[in-house]
């Protein structure tokens, strides 16, 4: 599971621990995905949704610690 930082148009930002995100109509939705599936499907869990127009940027934390946590989650 990675960490994403979402910068919003109102100047705020939020940090989410999730696996993936996808645009769904006028919303961008962030998901938790089963490590054995590794795709967004009907078994994925929606964690948060934001109006796409309100999002300025989405950045994924690619630090080695974050990558190692993902590897451990996949291995278990």
Protein backbone atom coordinates (compact mmCIF):
# COMPACT_ATOMS: atom_id res chain seq x y z
CA UNK A 1 0.00 0.00 0.00
CA UNK A 2 1.41 3.35 -1.01
CA UNK A 3 0.94 6.85 0.30
CA UNK A 4 -0.59 9.49 -1.95
CA UNK A 5 -0.68 13.22 -1.25
CA UNK A 6 -3.63 15.01 -2.85
CA UNK A 7 -3.30 18.80 -3.23
CA UNK A 8 -6.68 20.50 -3.55
CA UNK A 9 -7.66 23.79 -5.19
CA UNK A 10 -8.60 25.37 -1.83
CA UNK A 11 -4.94 25.11 -0.73
CA UNK A 12 -5.36 22.10 1.54
CA UNK A 13 -3.77 18.71 1.06
CA UNK A 14 -4.60 15.25 2.29
CA UNK A 15 -2.49 12.14 2.64
CA UNK A 16 -4.01 8.72 1.97
CA UNK A 17 -2.65 5.22 2.36
CA UNK A 18 -4.08 3.33 -0.59
CA UNK A 19 -3.11 1.15 -3.54
CA UNK A 20 -4.55 2.93 -6.57
CA UNK A 21 -6.82 5.65 -7.85
CA UNK A 22 -9.08 6.00 -10.85
CA UNK A 23 -11.33 8.65 -12.36
CA UNK A 24 -15.00 7.73 -12.12
CA UNK A 25 -17.08 10.32 -13.96
CA UNK A 26 -16.60 13.66 -12.18
CA UNK A 27 -14.85 12.02 -9.19
CA UNK A 28 -11.37 10.64 -8.63
CA UNK A 29 -11.62 7.67 -6.27
CA UNK A 30 -8.86 6.05 -4.21
CA UNK A 31 -8.92 2.30 -3.56
CA UNK A 32 -7.51 -0.43 -1.37
CA UNK A 33 -6.83 -3.53 -3.48
CA UNK A 34 -6.29 -7.12 -2.34
CA UNK A 35 -2.57 -7.85 -2.72
CA UNK A 36 -3.29 -11.09 -4.58
CA UNK A 37 -5.42 -9.32 -7.23
CA UNK A 38 -3.51 -6.07 -7.88
CA UNK A 39 -6.29 -4.61 -10.05
CA UNK A 40 -9.23 -2.32 -9.33
CA UNK A 41 -12.34 -4.50 -9.54
CA UNK A 42 -15.61 -5.14 -7.70
CA UNK A 43 -13.69 -6.51 -4.69
CA UNK A 44 -11.66 -3.30 -4.25
CA UNK A 45 -12.55 -1.05 -1.32
CA UNK A 46 -13.28 2.63 -1.98
CA UNK A 47 -11.42 4.74 0.59
CA UNK A 48 -12.08 8.31 -0.56
CA UNK A 49 -13.41 10.29 -3.51
CA UNK A 50 -12.72 13.88 -4.55
CA UNK A 51 -14.22 16.03 -7.27
CA UNK A 52 -11.67 15.83 -10.09
CA UNK A 53 -12.02 19.59 -10.72
CA UNK A 54 -10.86 20.27 -7.14
CA UNK A 55 -7.61 18.26 -7.46
CA UNK A 56 -4.47 20.24 -8.30
CA UNK A 57 -2.03 17.31 -8.05
CA UNK A 58 -1.66 13.73 -6.85
CA UNK A 59 1.78 12.60 -5.73
CA UNK A 60 2.83 9.12 -4.72
CA UNK A 61 5.47 8.68 -2.03
CA UNK A 62 8.19 6.57 -3.62
CA UNK A 63 10.53 6.46 -0.65
CA UNK A 64 12.36 3.15 -0.08
CA UNK A 65 10.49 2.65 3.21
CA UNK A 66 7.14 2.89 1.42
CA UNK A 67 8.30 0.48 -1.31
CA UNK A 68 9.53 -2.03 1.28
CA UNK A 69 6.17 -1.93 3.09
CA UNK A 70 4.43 -2.71 -0.21
CA UNK A 71 6.77 -5.64 -0.89
CA UNK A 72 6.08 -7.09 2.56
CA UNK A 73 2.32 -6.74 2.08
CA UNK A 74 2.47 -8.54 -1.27
CA UNK A 75 4.63 -11.33 0.15
CA UNK A 76 2.22 -12.05 3.03
